Amino acid sequence: MSKLSTARVFSRDFKLSAVRRMLAGENVSALARELAVLRKDLYVWRDRLRSGGPEALRSRGRPRKVPLTTPVAASRPPPDRRPEAAAAELAAARQRIAELEAKIGRQALELDFFQQALRQVGEVRRGNDKPGATPSTPSSKR
């Protein structure tokens, strides 16, 4: 028999319940054995659900395309928004940016410090590279 004649068709509800069980933390291999499906199919169904919602779990055919961008009207703030609230959000965002920039500066200083320390440790550990010379550090014999 060919694979096409033995292919099973699963309903959207079946796929949705299987993916929900998978996302709830059930063991994927055990779930696949119980439902008599391939593990790969469970992961495909999960990815389709995440990218296109329940509509993407169609029984047959290719899933419909999901728009990658949101419409321009949906990305605008609601018209009843007060200027004071917008100003407060802007001030909070600027404060957060300043905090993050300070954190990046501290991390850069730490990185420079540790790179310099690593260079110094590397220089100290360099031993005599001549044949028969004593190594720079003793070997750890257990």
C-alpha atoms as a PDB file:
ATOM      1  CA  MET A   1       0.000   0.000   0.000  1.00  0.00           C
ATOM      2  CA  SER A   2       1.159   3.506  -0.660  1.00  0.00           C
ATOM      3  CA  LYS A   3       1.416   6.154   2.024  1.00  0.00           C
ATOM      4  CA  LEU A   4      -1.344   8.175   0.405  1.00  0.00           C
ATOM      5  CA  SER A   5      -3.899   5.442   0.897  1.00  0.00           C
ATOM      6  CA  THR A   6      -3.048   5.039   4.596  1.00  0.00           C
ATOM      7  CA  ALA A   7      -2.830   8.751   5.417  1.00  0.00           C
ATOM      8  CA  ARG A   8      -5.172   9.726   8.201  1.00  0.00           C
ATOM      9  CA  VAL A   9      -7.102  12.972   8.302  1.00  0.00           C
ATOM     10  CA  PHE A  10      -7.491  14.594  11.705  1.00  0.00           C
ATOM     11  CA  SER A  11     -10.160  17.119  12.573  1.00  0.00           C
ATOM     12  CA  ARG A  12      -9.312  20.590  13.775  1.00  0.00           C
ATOM     13  CA  ASP A  13     -10.763  19.763  17.207  1.00  0.00           C
ATOM     14  CA  PHE A  14      -8.559  16.674  17.495  1.00  0.00           C
ATOM     15  CA  LYS A  15      -5.454  18.668  16.591  1.00  0.00           C
ATOM     16  CA  LEU A  16      -6.411  21.497  18.927  1.00  0.00           C
ATOM     17  CA  SER A  17      -6.957  19.160  21.877  1.00  0.00           C
ATOM     18  CA  ALA A  18      -3.673  17.362  21.177  1.00  0.00           C
ATOM     19  CA  VAL A  19      -1.732  20.639  21.034  1.00  0.00           C
ATOM     20  CA  ARG A  20      -3.393  21.909  24.205  1.00  0.00           C
ATOM     21  CA  ARG A  21      -2.366  18.746  26.035  1.00  0.00           C
ATOM     22  CA  MET A  22       1.147  19.145  24.653  1.00  0.00           C
ATOM     23  CA  LEU A  23       1.340  22.781  25.786  1.00  0.00           C
ATOM     24  CA  ALA A  24      -0.022  21.797  29.198  1.00  0.00           C
ATOM     25  CA  GLY A  25       3.185  19.850  29.741  1.00  0.00           C
ATOM     26  CA  GLU A  26       2.359  16.285  28.799  1.00  0.00           C
ATOM     27  CA  ASN A  27       5.203  14.164  27.507  1.00  0.00           C
ATOM     28  CA  VAL A  28       5.145  14.564  23.730  1.00  0.00           C
ATOM     29  CA  SER A  29       6.355  11.035  22.983  1.00  0.00           C
ATOM     30  CA  ALA A  30       3.737   9.467  25.244  1.00  0.00           C
ATOM     31  CA  LEU A  31       1.041  11.701  23.799  1.00  0.00           C
ATOM     32  CA  ALA A  32       2.029  10.744  20.252  1.00  0.00           C
ATOM     33  CA  ARG A  33       1.890   7.047  21.146  1.00  0.00           C
ATOM     34  CA  GLU A  34      -1.485   7.441  22.844  1.00  0.00           C
ATOM     35  CA  LEU A  35      -3.020   9.333  19.916  1.00  0.00           C
ATOM     36  CA  ALA A  36      -1.223   7.176  17.303  1.00  0.00           C
ATOM     37  CA  VAL A  37       0.283  10.178  15.543  1.00  0.00           C
ATOM     38  CA  LEU A  38       3.824  11.181  14.722  1.00  0.00           C
ATOM     39  CA  ARG A  39       5.671  13.458  17.177  1.00  0.00           C
ATOM     40  CA  LYS A  40       6.640  15.569  14.202  1.00  0.00           C
ATOM     41  CA  ASP A  41       2.957  16.184  13.445  1.00  0.00           C
ATOM     42  CA  LEU A  42       2.341  17.388  16.985  1.00  0.00           C
ATOM     43  CA  TYR A  43       5.131  19.932  16.650  1.00  0.00           C
ATOM     44  CA  VAL A  44       3.865  21.032  13.226  1.00  0.00           C
ATOM     45  CA  TRP A  45       0.367  21.498  14.639  1.00  0.00           C
ATOM     46  CA  ARG A  46       1.781  23.462  17.589  1.00  0.00           C
ATOM     47  CA  ASP A  47       3.725  25.766  15.304  1.00  0.00           C
ATOM     48  CA  ARG A  48       0.698  26.322  13.078  1.00  0.00           C
ATOM     49  CA  LEU A  49      -1.476  27.124  16.084  1.00  0.00           C
ATOM     50  CA  ARG A  50       1.087  29.630  17.358  1.00  0.00           C
ATOM     51  CA  SER A  51       1.486  31.342  14.010  1.00  0.00           C
ATOM     52  CA  GLY A  52      -2.098  31.380  12.759  1.00  0.00           C
ATOM     53  CA  GLY A  53      -4.406  30.423  15.600  1.00  0.00           C
ATOM     54  CA  PRO A  54      -7.030  27.651  15.437  1.00  0.00           C
ATOM     55  CA  GLU A  55      -7.849  28.548  11.822  1.00  0.00           C
ATOM     56  CA  ALA A  56      -4.389  27.326  10.802  1.00  0.00           C
ATOM     57  CA  LEU A  57      -5.244  23.797  11.984  1.00  0.00           C
ATOM     58  CA  ARG A  58      -7.283  22.959   8.896  1.00  0.00           C
ATOM     59  CA  SER A  59      -7.943  19.338   8.002  1.00  0.00           C
ATOM     60  CA  ARG A  60      -6.659  19.475   4.451  1.00  0.00           C
ATOM     61  CA  GLY A  61      -4.535  21.804   2.383  1.00  0.00           C
ATOM     62  CA  ARG A  62      -2.161  24.573   3.145  1.00  0.00           C
ATOM     63  CA  PRO A  63      -2.976  26.928   6.041  1.00  0.00           C
ATOM     64  CA  ARG A  64      -4.090  30.414   5.129  1.00  0.00           C
ATOM     65  CA  LYS A  65      -1.537  33.197   5.271  1.00  0.00           C
ATOM     66  CA  VAL A  66      -1.537  35.370   8.347  1.00  0.00           C
ATOM     67  CA  PRO A  67      -0.663  39.041   7.812  1.00  0.00           C
ATOM     68  CA  LEU A  68       2.773  39.800   9.235  1.00  0.00           C
ATOM     69  CA  THR A  69       2.048  43.424  10.068  1.00  0.00           C
ATOM     70  CA  THR A  70      -0.815  44.981  11.927  1.00  0.00           C
ATOM     71  CA  PRO A  71      -3.023  47.472  10.120  1.00  0.00           C
ATOM     72  CA  VAL A  72      -2.026  51.122  10.490  1.00  0.00           C
ATOM     73  CA  ALA A  73      -5.291  52.025  12.213  1.00  0.00           C
ATOM     74  CA  ALA A  74      -4.730  49.353  14.864  1.00  0.00           C
ATOM     75  CA  SER A  75      -1.255  50.638  15.694  1.00  0.00           C
ATOM     76  CA  ARG A  76      -2.453  54.189  16.478  1.00  0.00           C
ATOM     77  CA  PRO A  77      -3.381  55.110  20.035  1.00  0.00           C
ATOM     78  CA  PRO A  78      -7.084  55.526  20.773  1.00  0.00           C
ATOM     79  CA  PRO A  79      -8.394  59.033  19.968  1.00  0.00           C
ATOM     80  CA  ASP A  80      -9.676  59.687  23.508  1.00  0.00           C
ATOM     81  CA  ARG A  81      -6.190  59.531  24.999  1.00  0.00           C
ATOM     82  CA  ARG A  82      -5.266  62.511  27.147  1.00  0.00           C
ATOM     83  CA  PRO A  83      -2.018  64.405  26.469  1.00  0.00           C
ATOM     84  CA  GLU A  84      -1.074  64.191  30.175  1.00  0.00           C
ATOM     85  CA  ALA A  85      -1.078  60.382  30.034  1.00  0.00           C
ATOM     86  CA  ALA A  86       1.037  60.420  26.888  1.00  0.00           C
ATOM     87  CA  ALA A  87       3.495  62.843  28.490  1.00  0.00           C
ATOM     88  CA  ALA A  88       3.734  60.652  31.596  1.00  0.00           C
ATOM     89  CA  GLU A  89       4.405  57.564  29.467  1.00  0.00           C
ATOM     90  CA  LEU A  90       7.067  59.435  27.523  1.00  0.00           C
ATOM     91  CA  ALA A  91       8.776  60.559  30.731  1.00  0.00           C
ATOM     92  CA  ALA A  92       8.685  57.003  32.104  1.00  0.00           C
ATOM     93  CA  ALA A  93      10.132  55.660  28.841  1.00  0.00           C
ATOM     94  CA  ARG A  94      12.940  58.218  28.906  1.00  0.00           C
ATOM     95  CA  GLN A  95      13.721  57.301  32.529  1.00  0.00           C
ATOM     96  CA  ARG A  96      13.840  53.613  31.593  1.00  0.00           C
ATOM     97  CA  ILE A  97      16.149  54.377  28.651  1.00  0.00           C
ATOM     98  CA  ALA A  98      18.493  56.313  30.962  1.00  0.00           C
ATOM     99  CA  GLU A  99      18.556  53.390  33.428  1.00  0.00           C
ATOM    100  CA  LEU A 100      19.319  50.904  30.666  1.00  0.00           C
ATOM    101  CA  GLU A 101      22.077  53.092  29.231  1.00  0.00           C
ATOM    102  CA  ALA A 102      23.670  53.330  32.682  1.00  0.00           C
ATOM    103  CA  LYS A 103      23.468  49.566  33.058  1.00  0.00           C
ATOM    104  CA  ILE A 104      25.133  49.082  29.660  1.00  0.00           C
ATOM    105  CA  GLY A 105      27.920  51.454  30.738  1.00  0.00           C
ATOM    106  CA  ARG A 106      28.521  49.454  33.936  1.00  0.00           C
ATOM    107  CA  GLN A 107      28.551  46.200  31.989  1.00  0.00           C
ATOM    108  CA  ALA A 108      31.054  47.625  29.510  1.00  0.00           C
ATOM    109  CA  LEU A 109      33.360  48.620  32.384  1.00  0.00           C
ATOM    110  CA  GLU A 110      33.082  45.154  33.925  1.00  0.00           C
ATOM    111  CA  LEU A 111      33.769  43.539  30.584  1.00  0.00           C
ATOM    112  CA  ASP A 112      36.897  45.633  30.094  1.00  0.00           C
ATOM    113  CA  PHE A 113      38.056  44.774  33.625  1.00  0.00           C
ATOM    114  CA  PHE A 114      37.601  41.035  33.136  1.00  0.00           C
ATOM    115  CA  GLN A 115      39.230  41.067  29.697  1.00  0.00           C
ATOM    116  CA  GLN A 116      42.285  42.802  31.171  1.00  0.00           C
ATOM    117  CA  ALA A 117      42.377  40.332  34.085  1.00  0.00           C
ATOM    118  CA  LEU A 118      42.152  37.422  31.648  1.00  0.00           C
ATOM    119  CA  ARG A 119      45.054  38.820  29.620  1.00  0.00           C
ATOM    120  CA  GLN A 120      47.164  39.140  32.788  1.00  0.00           C
ATOM    121  CA  VAL A 121      46.353  35.603  33.896  1.00  0.00           C
ATOM    122  CA  GLY A 122      47.281  34.358  30.429  1.00  0.00           C
ATOM    123  CA  GLU A 123      50.634  36.130  30.594  1.00  0.00           C
ATOM    124  CA  VAL A 124      51.419  34.716  34.054  1.00  0.00           C
ATOM    125  CA  ARG A 125      50.537  31.164  33.017  1.00  0.00           C
ATOM    126  CA  ARG A 126      52.810  31.218  29.992  1.00  0.00           C
ATOM    127  CA  GLY A 127      55.753  29.098  30.825  1.00  0.00           C
ATOM    128  CA  ASN A 128      59.025  28.281  29.211  1.00  0.00           C
ATOM    129  CA  ASP A 129      58.221  26.713  25.856  1.00  0.00           C
ATOM    130  CA  LYS A 130      61.640  25.143  25.414  1.00  0.00           C
ATOM    131  CA  PRO A 131      61.891  21.369  25.321  1.00  0.00           C
ATOM    132  CA  GLY A 132      62.368  19.854  28.756  1.00  0.00           C
ATOM    133  CA  ALA A 133      61.341  23.033  30.571  1.00  0.00           C
ATOM    134  CA  THR A 134      59.136  22.987  33.657  1.00  0.00           C
ATOM    135  CA  PRO A 135      55.498  23.832  32.837  1.00  0.00           C
ATOM    136  CA  SER A 136      54.006  26.993  34.258  1.00  0.00           C
ATOM    137  CA  THR A 137      51.469  25.184  36.391  1.00  0.00           C
ATOM    138  CA  PRO A 138      51.592  21.711  37.905  1.00  0.00           C
ATOM    139  CA  SER A 139      49.395  19.084  36.311  1.00  0.00           C
ATOM    140  CA  SER A 140      46.501  17.788  38.316  1.00  0.00           C
ATOM    141  CA  LYS A 141      47.105  14.108  38.867  1.00  0.00           C
ATOM    142  CA  ARG A 142      44.268  12.369  40.550  1.00  0.00           C
END
